[in-house]
Amino acid sequence: MRDRSDQPAMSYDPFGEPVAFPAHGLSTAGDRRARTVAVIGFWLVAATLLAGRIYFAEEPVAQMVANAHAQVVTFITAIL
């Protein structure tokens, strides 16, 4: 008995002629896990960037730059 993954999948080219190509088997558990981790990582970064934009939206840019500059100066002075 042949599995479905053993049979070539049928498709049609733009001119309507049938084109056979080998069907890909089911992905392994490692592939699915890696894909899931990548999707979770992507959405985590997207949510973090969105939360940062929402959090800093009320603070004017000039004040935010001045605060960052003051923090960098304080950090460098503390190191030296």
N, C-alpha and C. Protein backbone atom coordinates (compact mmCIF):
# COMPACT_ATOMS: atom_id res chain seq x y z
N MET A 1 0.85 -1.18 0.00
CA MET A 1 0.00 0.00 0.00
C MET A 1 0.89 1.24 0.00
N ARG A 2 0.49 2.21 -0.76
CA ARG A 2 1.28 3.44 -0.84
C ARG A 2 0.68 4.49 0.07
N ASP A 3 1.57 5.19 0.74
CA ASP A 3 1.12 6.32 1.55
C ASP A 3 0.82 7.50 0.66
N ARG A 4 0.10 8.44 1.21
CA ARG A 4 -0.22 9.64 0.43
C ARG A 4 1.05 10.43 0.11
N SER A 5 2.04 10.41 1.01
CA SER A 5 3.26 11.16 0.77
C SER A 5 4.10 10.53 -0.34
N ASP A 6 3.84 9.24 -0.68
CA ASP A 6 4.58 8.58 -1.75
C ASP A 6 4.04 8.96 -3.13
N GLN A 7 2.79 9.35 -3.21
CA GLN A 7 2.18 9.67 -4.48
C GLN A 7 2.53 11.10 -4.89
N PRO A 8 2.83 11.29 -6.16
CA PRO A 8 3.12 12.67 -6.59
C PRO A 8 1.85 13.52 -6.55
N ALA A 9 2.00 14.74 -6.14
CA ALA A 9 0.86 15.65 -6.10
C ALA A 9 0.70 16.27 -7.49
N MET A 10 -0.54 16.45 -7.89
CA MET A 10 -0.80 17.01 -9.21
C MET A 10 -1.07 18.50 -9.10
N SER A 11 -0.51 19.20 -10.05
CA SER A 11 -0.72 20.64 -10.14
C SER A 11 -0.81 20.97 -11.62
N TYR A 12 -1.22 22.15 -11.93
CA TYR A 12 -1.35 22.55 -13.32
C TYR A 12 -0.57 23.83 -13.57
N ASP A 13 0.10 23.85 -14.71
CA ASP A 13 0.84 25.05 -15.06
C ASP A 13 -0.11 26.09 -15.63
N PRO A 14 0.37 27.31 -15.93
CA PRO A 14 -0.53 28.36 -16.41
C PRO A 14 -1.26 28.03 -17.72
N PHE A 15 -0.74 27.04 -18.47
CA PHE A 15 -1.38 26.67 -19.73
C PHE A 15 -2.37 25.53 -19.56
N GLY A 16 -2.55 25.04 -18.31
CA GLY A 16 -3.53 23.99 -18.05
C GLY A 16 -3.01 22.58 -18.18
N GLU A 17 -1.72 22.43 -18.41
CA GLU A 17 -1.15 21.10 -18.53
C GLU A 17 -0.79 20.58 -17.14
N PRO A 18 -1.06 19.31 -16.87
CA PRO A 18 -0.76 18.76 -15.55
C PRO A 18 0.75 18.67 -15.31
N VAL A 19 1.15 19.01 -14.11
CA VAL A 19 2.55 18.95 -13.70
C VAL A 19 2.61 18.13 -12.42
N ALA A 20 3.41 17.08 -12.42
CA ALA A 20 3.53 16.25 -11.23
C ALA A 20 4.80 16.64 -10.49
N PHE A 21 4.70 16.79 -9.19
CA PHE A 21 5.88 17.04 -8.37
C PHE A 21 5.74 16.20 -7.12
N PRO A 22 6.85 15.77 -6.55
CA PRO A 22 6.77 14.90 -5.37
C PRO A 22 6.19 15.64 -4.18
N ALA A 23 5.28 14.99 -3.49
CA ALA A 23 4.69 15.59 -2.29
C ALA A 23 5.69 15.49 -1.15
N HIS A 24 5.75 16.53 -0.37
CA HIS A 24 6.65 16.53 0.77
C HIS A 24 5.98 15.81 1.92
N GLY A 25 6.75 15.00 2.63
CA GLY A 25 6.20 14.28 3.76
C GLY A 25 5.93 15.22 4.93
N LEU A 26 5.36 14.68 5.96
CA LEU A 26 5.10 15.48 7.15
C LEU A 26 6.41 15.93 7.76
N SER A 27 6.43 17.11 8.28
CA SER A 27 7.65 17.60 8.90
C SER A 27 7.89 16.87 10.21
N THR A 28 9.13 16.78 10.58
CA THR A 28 9.46 16.07 11.81
C THR A 28 9.14 16.95 13.01
N ALA A 29 9.17 16.34 14.18
CA ALA A 29 8.84 17.09 15.40
C ALA A 29 9.83 18.22 15.64
N GLY A 30 11.09 18.02 15.31
CA GLY A 30 12.10 19.07 15.49
C GLY A 30 11.84 20.26 14.60
N ASP A 31 11.40 20.01 13.37
CA ASP A 31 11.07 21.11 12.46
C ASP A 31 9.90 21.92 12.99
N ARG A 32 8.87 21.21 13.48
CA ARG A 32 7.71 21.91 14.02
C ARG A 32 8.08 22.70 15.26
N ARG A 33 8.93 22.13 16.09
CA ARG A 33 9.34 22.82 17.31
C ARG A 33 10.14 24.07 16.97
N ALA A 34 11.04 23.97 16.02
CA ALA A 34 11.84 25.14 15.62
C ALA A 34 10.95 26.22 15.02
N ARG A 35 9.97 25.81 14.21
CA ARG A 35 9.05 26.78 13.63
C ARG A 35 8.22 27.46 14.71
N THR A 36 7.77 26.68 15.68
CA THR A 36 6.98 27.24 16.78
C THR A 36 7.80 28.24 17.59
N VAL A 37 9.05 27.90 17.87
CA VAL A 37 9.93 28.80 18.63
C VAL A 37 10.16 30.08 17.84
N ALA A 38 10.35 29.96 16.53
CA ALA A 38 10.58 31.15 15.70
C ALA A 38 9.35 32.05 15.68
N VAL A 39 8.17 31.46 15.59
CA VAL A 39 6.94 32.25 15.57
C VAL A 39 6.74 32.94 16.92
N ILE A 40 6.96 32.21 18.01
CA ILE A 40 6.82 32.81 19.34
C ILE A 40 7.84 33.93 19.53
N GLY A 41 9.07 33.72 19.08
CA GLY A 41 10.09 34.77 19.19
C GLY A 41 9.73 36.00 18.39
N PHE A 42 9.21 35.80 17.18
CA PHE A 42 8.80 36.94 16.35
C PHE A 42 7.72 37.75 17.04
N TRP A 43 6.67 37.09 17.53
CA TRP A 43 5.57 37.82 18.16
C TRP A 43 5.99 38.44 19.48
N LEU A 44 6.94 37.82 20.18
CA LEU A 44 7.45 38.41 21.42
C LEU A 44 8.18 39.72 21.13
N VAL A 45 9.01 39.72 20.10
CA VAL A 45 9.71 40.95 19.72
C VAL A 45 8.71 42.01 19.25
N ALA A 46 7.73 41.60 18.45
CA ALA A 46 6.72 42.56 17.96
C ALA A 46 5.93 43.16 19.12
N ALA A 47 5.54 42.33 20.08
CA ALA A 47 4.78 42.83 21.23
C ALA A 47 5.64 43.75 22.09
N THR A 48 6.92 43.43 22.24
CA THR A 48 7.83 44.28 23.01
C THR A 48 8.00 45.64 22.36
N LEU A 49 8.18 45.65 21.05
CA LEU A 49 8.31 46.93 20.34
C LEU A 49 7.03 47.74 20.43
N LEU A 50 5.90 47.08 20.31
CA LEU A 50 4.63 47.79 20.41
C LEU A 50 4.43 48.35 21.81
N ALA A 51 4.74 47.55 22.83
CA ALA A 51 4.60 48.02 24.21
C ALA A 51 5.54 49.20 24.47
N GLY A 52 6.74 49.16 23.92
CA GLY A 52 7.68 50.26 24.07
C GLY A 52 7.17 51.53 23.42
N ARG A 53 6.57 51.40 22.25
CA ARG A 53 6.02 52.58 21.58
C ARG A 53 4.86 53.17 22.37
N ILE A 54 4.03 52.30 22.93
CA ILE A 54 2.90 52.79 23.72
C ILE A 54 3.40 53.45 24.99
N TYR A 55 4.40 52.84 25.64
CA TYR A 55 4.91 53.37 26.91
C TYR A 55 5.57 54.73 26.70
N PHE A 56 6.36 54.86 25.64
CA PHE A 56 7.11 56.10 25.42
C PHE A 56 6.33 57.12 24.59
N ALA A 57 5.11 56.83 24.21
CA ALA A 57 4.36 57.73 23.34
C ALA A 57 4.02 59.04 24.04
N GLU A 58 3.83 59.02 25.36
CA GLU A 58 3.44 60.24 26.06
C GLU A 58 4.62 61.14 26.37
N GLU A 59 5.82 60.59 26.34
CA GLU A 59 7.01 61.39 26.67
C GLU A 59 7.55 62.04 25.39
N PRO A 60 7.78 63.33 25.39
CA PRO A 60 8.34 63.99 24.21
C PRO A 60 9.72 63.44 23.87
N VAL A 61 10.03 63.43 22.59
CA VAL A 61 11.29 62.84 22.14
C VAL A 61 12.49 63.59 22.71
N ALA A 62 12.44 64.91 22.75
CA ALA A 62 13.57 65.69 23.27
C ALA A 62 13.84 65.35 24.73
N GLN A 63 12.78 65.20 25.51
CA GLN A 63 12.96 64.85 26.91
C GLN A 63 13.51 63.43 27.05
N MET A 64 13.05 62.52 26.20
CA MET A 64 13.54 61.15 26.26
C MET A 64 15.03 61.10 25.91
N VAL A 65 15.45 61.86 24.89
CA VAL A 65 16.87 61.89 24.51
C VAL A 65 17.70 62.51 25.63
N ALA A 66 17.20 63.57 26.26
CA ALA A 66 17.92 64.20 27.36
C ALA A 66 18.06 63.24 28.53
N ASN A 67 17.01 62.51 28.84
CA ASN A 67 17.08 61.53 29.94
C ASN A 67 18.07 60.43 29.62
N ALA A 68 18.06 59.94 28.39
CA ALA A 68 19.00 58.89 28.00
C ALA A 68 20.43 59.40 28.08
N HIS A 69 20.66 60.63 27.63
CA HIS A 69 21.99 61.22 27.69
C HIS A 69 22.45 61.34 29.15
N ALA A 70 21.56 61.79 30.01
CA ALA A 70 21.91 61.93 31.43
C ALA A 70 22.22 60.57 32.04
N GLN A 71 21.49 59.54 31.67
CA GLN A 71 21.76 58.21 32.21
C GLN A 71 23.10 57.67 31.72
N VAL A 72 23.42 57.92 30.45
CA VAL A 72 24.71 57.47 29.92
C VAL A 72 25.85 58.19 30.62
N VAL A 73 25.72 59.50 30.81
CA VAL A 73 26.75 60.28 31.51
C VAL A 73 26.91 59.78 32.93
N THR A 74 25.81 59.53 33.64
CA THR A 74 25.88 59.01 35.00
C THR A 74 26.55 57.66 35.04
N PHE A 75 26.25 56.79 34.08
CA PHE A 75 26.85 55.46 34.05
C PHE A 75 28.36 55.55 33.80
N ILE A 76 28.76 56.40 32.85
CA ILE A 76 30.19 56.53 32.56
C ILE A 76 30.94 57.14 33.73
N THR A 77 30.32 58.13 34.40
CA THR A 77 30.97 58.74 35.58
C THR A 77 31.11 57.73 36.70
N ALA A 78 30.13 56.86 36.85
CA ALA A 78 30.20 55.84 37.91
C ALA A 78 31.30 54.83 37.62
N ILE A 79 31.54 54.54 36.35
CA ILE A 79 32.58 53.57 36.00
C ILE A 79 33.96 54.18 36.23
N LEU A 80 34.13 55.43 35.85
CA LEU A 80 35.45 56.06 35.97
C LEU A 80 35.62 56.50 37.39
